Protein backbone atom coordinates (compact mmCIF):
# COMPACT_ATOMS: atom_id res chain seq x y z
CA MET A 1 112.01 132.42 43.24
CA ALA A 2 111.35 129.78 45.85
CA GLU A 3 107.95 129.32 47.43
CA VAL A 4 108.05 128.66 51.18
CA HIS A 5 105.14 127.04 53.01
CA VAL A 6 105.31 126.99 56.83
CA GLU A 7 102.94 124.91 58.92
CA ARG A 8 103.05 124.76 62.71
CA SER A 9 102.84 121.18 63.92
CA GLN A 10 103.30 121.74 67.65
CA SER A 11 103.00 124.57 70.16
CA GLY A 12 104.24 124.92 73.70
CA GLU A 13 107.55 126.13 75.09
CA VAL A 14 109.03 125.04 71.77
CA PHE A 15 107.19 125.60 68.49
CA GLU A 16 107.65 122.91 65.84
CA PHE A 17 107.17 123.56 62.14
CA SER A 18 107.09 121.63 58.93
CA VAL A 19 108.52 123.77 56.15
CA ARG A 20 108.27 122.97 52.44
CA VAL A 21 110.40 124.87 49.92
CA SER A 22 109.41 124.56 46.25
CA GLU A 23 111.39 125.90 43.34
CA LYS A 24 111.82 124.96 39.69
CA GLY A 25 109.73 121.81 39.99
CA SER A 26 111.56 120.36 42.99
CA GLU A 27 110.82 120.49 46.68
CA THR A 28 112.61 120.10 50.01
CA GLN A 29 111.11 119.38 53.45
CA HIS A 30 112.49 120.79 56.69
CA ASN A 31 111.60 120.29 60.36
CA VAL A 32 112.29 123.44 62.34
CA THR A 33 111.99 124.26 66.02
CA LEU A 34 111.77 127.68 67.64
CA SER A 35 111.77 128.31 71.39
CA GLU A 36 109.37 130.82 72.90
CA HIS A 37 112.47 132.61 74.23
CA ASP A 38 114.03 133.02 70.76
CA TYR A 39 110.73 134.12 69.28
CA ALA A 40 110.32 136.75 72.03
CA ARG A 41 113.92 137.89 71.55
CA LEU A 42 114.09 137.96 67.74
CA GLY A 43 110.56 137.75 66.36
CA THR A 44 108.58 140.44 68.13
CA GLY A 45 108.13 142.39 64.89
CA TYR A 46 106.42 139.46 63.18
CA ALA A 47 102.69 138.71 63.38
CA SER A 48 103.18 135.04 64.25
CA PRO A 49 105.85 132.40 64.78
CA GLU A 50 104.99 131.08 61.29
CA GLU A 51 105.72 134.48 59.74
CA PHE A 52 109.03 134.63 61.62
CA VAL A 53 110.08 131.16 60.41
CA HIS A 54 109.11 132.18 56.88
CA ALA A 55 111.41 135.22 57.24
CA CYS A 56 114.19 132.93 58.48
CA PHE A 57 113.89 130.86 55.31
CA ALA A 58 113.86 133.99 53.15
CA PHE A 59 117.11 134.99 54.88
CA LEU A 60 118.64 131.55 54.30
CA LEU A 61 117.56 131.29 50.67
CA VAL A 62 119.45 134.47 49.81
CA ARG A 63 122.61 132.77 51.06
CA GLU A 64 122.21 129.13 50.05
CA THR A 65 120.07 126.83 47.92
CA LYS A 66 117.10 125.01 49.40
CA GLU A 67 119.11 121.77 49.16
CA GLN A 68 121.87 123.25 51.35
CA ILE A 69 119.49 124.20 54.17
CA LEU A 70 119.59 121.65 56.99
CA ARG A 71 116.66 119.24 56.95
CA GLN A 72 116.19 119.54 60.70
CA PHE A 73 117.34 122.42 62.88
CA ASP A 74 116.47 124.90 65.59
CA VAL A 75 116.42 128.57 64.60
CA ASN A 76 119.10 129.28 67.21
CA VAL A 77 121.74 127.51 65.04
CA ILE A 78 121.40 129.95 62.13
CA PRO A 79 123.84 132.53 63.66
CA ARG A 80 126.54 129.82 63.83
CA TYR A 81 126.55 129.74 60.04
CA PHE A 82 125.53 133.36 59.40
CA PRO A 83 126.64 135.72 62.20
CA GLU A 84 124.64 138.62 60.71
CA PHE A 85 121.35 136.73 61.12
CA GLU A 86 120.18 138.19 64.44
CA ASN A 87 120.81 141.79 63.40
CA GLN A 88 119.10 141.35 60.04
CA ILE A 89 116.07 139.30 61.14
CA ARG A 90 114.83 141.75 63.78
CA ARG A 91 112.16 144.21 62.64
């Protein structure tokens, strides 16, 4: 099982995160952005933006390997690849 470490690097109208995914001795790095609007719309059931981004990666890792996850993306692109994302990520 992959280990996901999320660290917020910037706050404001857009949150920026550095995400490290480790599994089986290898690691990938990802730069992720999340707007306050998307967090308010999709992440209200999560304790923090970091917890929400962690849940986004858990969702993605069920569907693709860590190497297949984009290295840089905004959370709002996930539904383009996985239309069920918004329904499943809400708590």
